[in-house]
Each structure stands twice: as structure tokens, then as C-alpha cells.
Amino acid sequence: MNTHNYLVRVKDEHWEDIQRVMTLDNSSANVIINEGIRLVVKEKLQQMSTLRKNRNGLQNMVSV
């Protein structure tokens, strides 16, 4: 599996949240961060799809 090493600045409050989840879930910060990335990407793609559908729907209504 290929990986990409990327340095990132994390706010203290977010890091504390990650540490709490690490303790409760017994997982690593890397796993939590990667899960978060997947969730954000999935959500953004859904939002873009919804916006595109709404825009196309409005165009179809107007161009009757």
C-alpha cells in the first residue's frame, strides 16, 4: 500500500479529542485521522452531487 507523508498542524482541542477517542477505541491517531478524511471526502462528494442535481433540476424546469 502506498502512503503519503504529510505534515499537518492540528489545533490542541482537536488533538485532545483524538486522544480521547484513541483511549476509548484503542486505535491510533493515524487510524482516526484517516477515517476522518474518508468521512469528509464522502460527505463533500455527496454535497457536490446534490448541488449538481439541484442545479440541473432547476435548469430543466426553466428550459421547458
C-alpha atoms as a PDB file:
ATOM      1  CA  MET A   1       0.000   0.000   0.000  1.00  0.00           C
ATOM      2  CA  ASN A   2       1.335   3.405  -0.960  1.00  0.00           C
ATOM      3  CA  THR A   3       1.246   6.151   1.631  1.00  0.00           C
ATOM      4  CA  HIS A   4       1.766   9.869   1.525  1.00  0.00           C
ATOM      5  CA  ASN A   5       3.592  11.521   4.393  1.00  0.00           C
ATOM      6  CA  TYR A   6       2.156  14.950   5.087  1.00  0.00           C
ATOM      7  CA  LEU A   7       2.941  17.215   7.998  1.00  0.00           C
ATOM      8  CA  VAL A   8      -0.115  18.867   9.446  1.00  0.00           C
ATOM      9  CA  ARG A   9      -0.864  21.335  12.220  1.00  0.00           C
ATOM     10  CA  VAL A  10      -3.681  20.156  14.484  1.00  0.00           C
ATOM     11  CA  LYS A  11      -5.357  22.511  16.941  1.00  0.00           C
ATOM     12  CA  ASP A  12      -4.876  21.476  20.561  1.00  0.00           C
ATOM     13  CA  GLU A  13      -8.610  20.979  21.099  1.00  0.00           C
ATOM     14  CA  HIS A  14      -8.809  18.606  18.121  1.00  0.00           C
ATOM     15  CA  TRP A  15      -5.723  16.711  19.272  1.00  0.00           C
ATOM     16  CA  GLU A  16      -7.267  16.289  22.726  1.00  0.00           C
ATOM     17  CA  ASP A  17     -10.409  14.886  21.075  1.00  0.00           C
ATOM     18  CA  ILE A  18      -8.281  12.477  19.041  1.00  0.00           C
ATOM     19  CA  GLN A  19      -6.501  11.335  22.196  1.00  0.00           C
ATOM     20  CA  ARG A  20      -9.827  10.729  23.946  1.00  0.00           C
ATOM     21  CA  VAL A  21     -11.070   8.630  21.027  1.00  0.00           C
ATOM     22  CA  MET A  22      -7.732   6.770  20.972  1.00  0.00           C
ATOM     23  CA  THR A  23      -8.250   5.857  24.611  1.00  0.00           C
ATOM     24  CA  LEU A  24     -11.863   4.784  24.173  1.00  0.00           C
ATOM     25  CA  ASP A  25     -11.430   2.988  20.853  1.00  0.00           C
ATOM     26  CA  ASN A  26      -7.911   1.629  21.429  1.00  0.00           C
ATOM     27  CA  SER A  27      -6.835   2.858  17.993  1.00  0.00           C
ATOM     28  CA  SER A  28      -4.000   5.037  16.749  1.00  0.00           C
ATOM     29  CA  ALA A  29      -4.152   8.707  15.841  1.00  0.00           C
ATOM     30  CA  ASN A  30      -3.279   7.741  12.269  1.00  0.00           C
ATOM     31  CA  VAL A  31      -6.313   5.438  12.007  1.00  0.00           C
ATOM     32  CA  ILE A  32      -8.636   8.093  13.444  1.00  0.00           C
ATOM     33  CA  ILE A  33      -7.306  10.805  11.136  1.00  0.00           C
ATOM     34  CA  ASN A  34      -7.590   8.568   8.059  1.00  0.00           C
ATOM     35  CA  GLU A  35     -11.160   7.600   8.997  1.00  0.00           C
ATOM     36  CA  GLY A  36     -11.959  11.293   9.372  1.00  0.00           C
ATOM     37  CA  ILE A  37     -10.504  12.038   5.945  1.00  0.00           C
ATOM     38  CA  ARG A  38     -12.643   9.313   4.360  1.00  0.00           C
ATOM     39  CA  LEU A  39     -15.771  10.691   6.059  1.00  0.00           C
ATOM     40  CA  VAL A  40     -15.081  14.272   4.957  1.00  0.00           C
ATOM     41  CA  VAL A  41     -14.367  13.250   1.355  1.00  0.00           C
ATOM     42  CA  LYS A  42     -17.548  11.128   1.235  1.00  0.00           C
ATOM     43  CA  GLU A  43     -19.638  13.988   2.654  1.00  0.00           C
ATOM     44  CA  LYS A  44     -18.165  16.573   0.260  1.00  0.00           C
ATOM     45  CA  LEU A  45     -18.808  14.308  -2.746  1.00  0.00           C
ATOM     46  CA  GLN A  46     -22.420  13.837  -1.635  1.00  0.00           C
ATOM     47  CA  GLN A  47     -22.859  17.595  -1.223  1.00  0.00           C
ATOM     48  CA  MET A  48     -21.431  18.278  -4.684  1.00  0.00           C
ATOM     49  CA  SER A  49     -23.674  15.614  -6.202  1.00  0.00           C
ATOM     50  CA  THR A  50     -26.750  17.090  -4.505  1.00  0.00           C
ATOM     51  CA  LEU A  51     -25.858  20.610  -5.662  1.00  0.00           C
ATOM     52  CA  ARG A  52     -25.352  19.364  -9.213  1.00  0.00           C
ATOM     53  CA  LYS A  53     -28.713  17.549  -9.192  1.00  0.00           C
ATOM     54  CA  ASN A  54     -30.499  20.633  -7.831  1.00  0.00           C
ATOM     55  CA  ARG A  55     -28.866  22.879 -10.419  1.00  0.00           C
ATOM     56  CA  ASN A  56     -29.787  20.522 -13.266  1.00  0.00           C
ATOM     57  CA  GLY A  57     -33.328  20.219 -11.946  1.00  0.00           C
ATOM     58  CA  LEU A  58     -33.766  23.977 -11.886  1.00  0.00           C
ATOM     59  CA  GLN A  59     -32.329  24.306 -15.389  1.00  0.00           C
ATOM     60  CA  ASN A  60     -34.753  21.661 -16.654  1.00  0.00           C
ATOM     61  CA  MET A  61     -37.700  23.462 -15.058  1.00  0.00           C
ATOM     62  CA  VAL A  62     -36.768  26.795 -16.633  1.00  0.00           C
ATOM     63  CA  SER A  63     -35.964  25.459 -20.097  1.00  0.00           C
ATOM     64  CA  VAL A  64     -39.391  23.919 -20.677  1.00  0.00           C
END
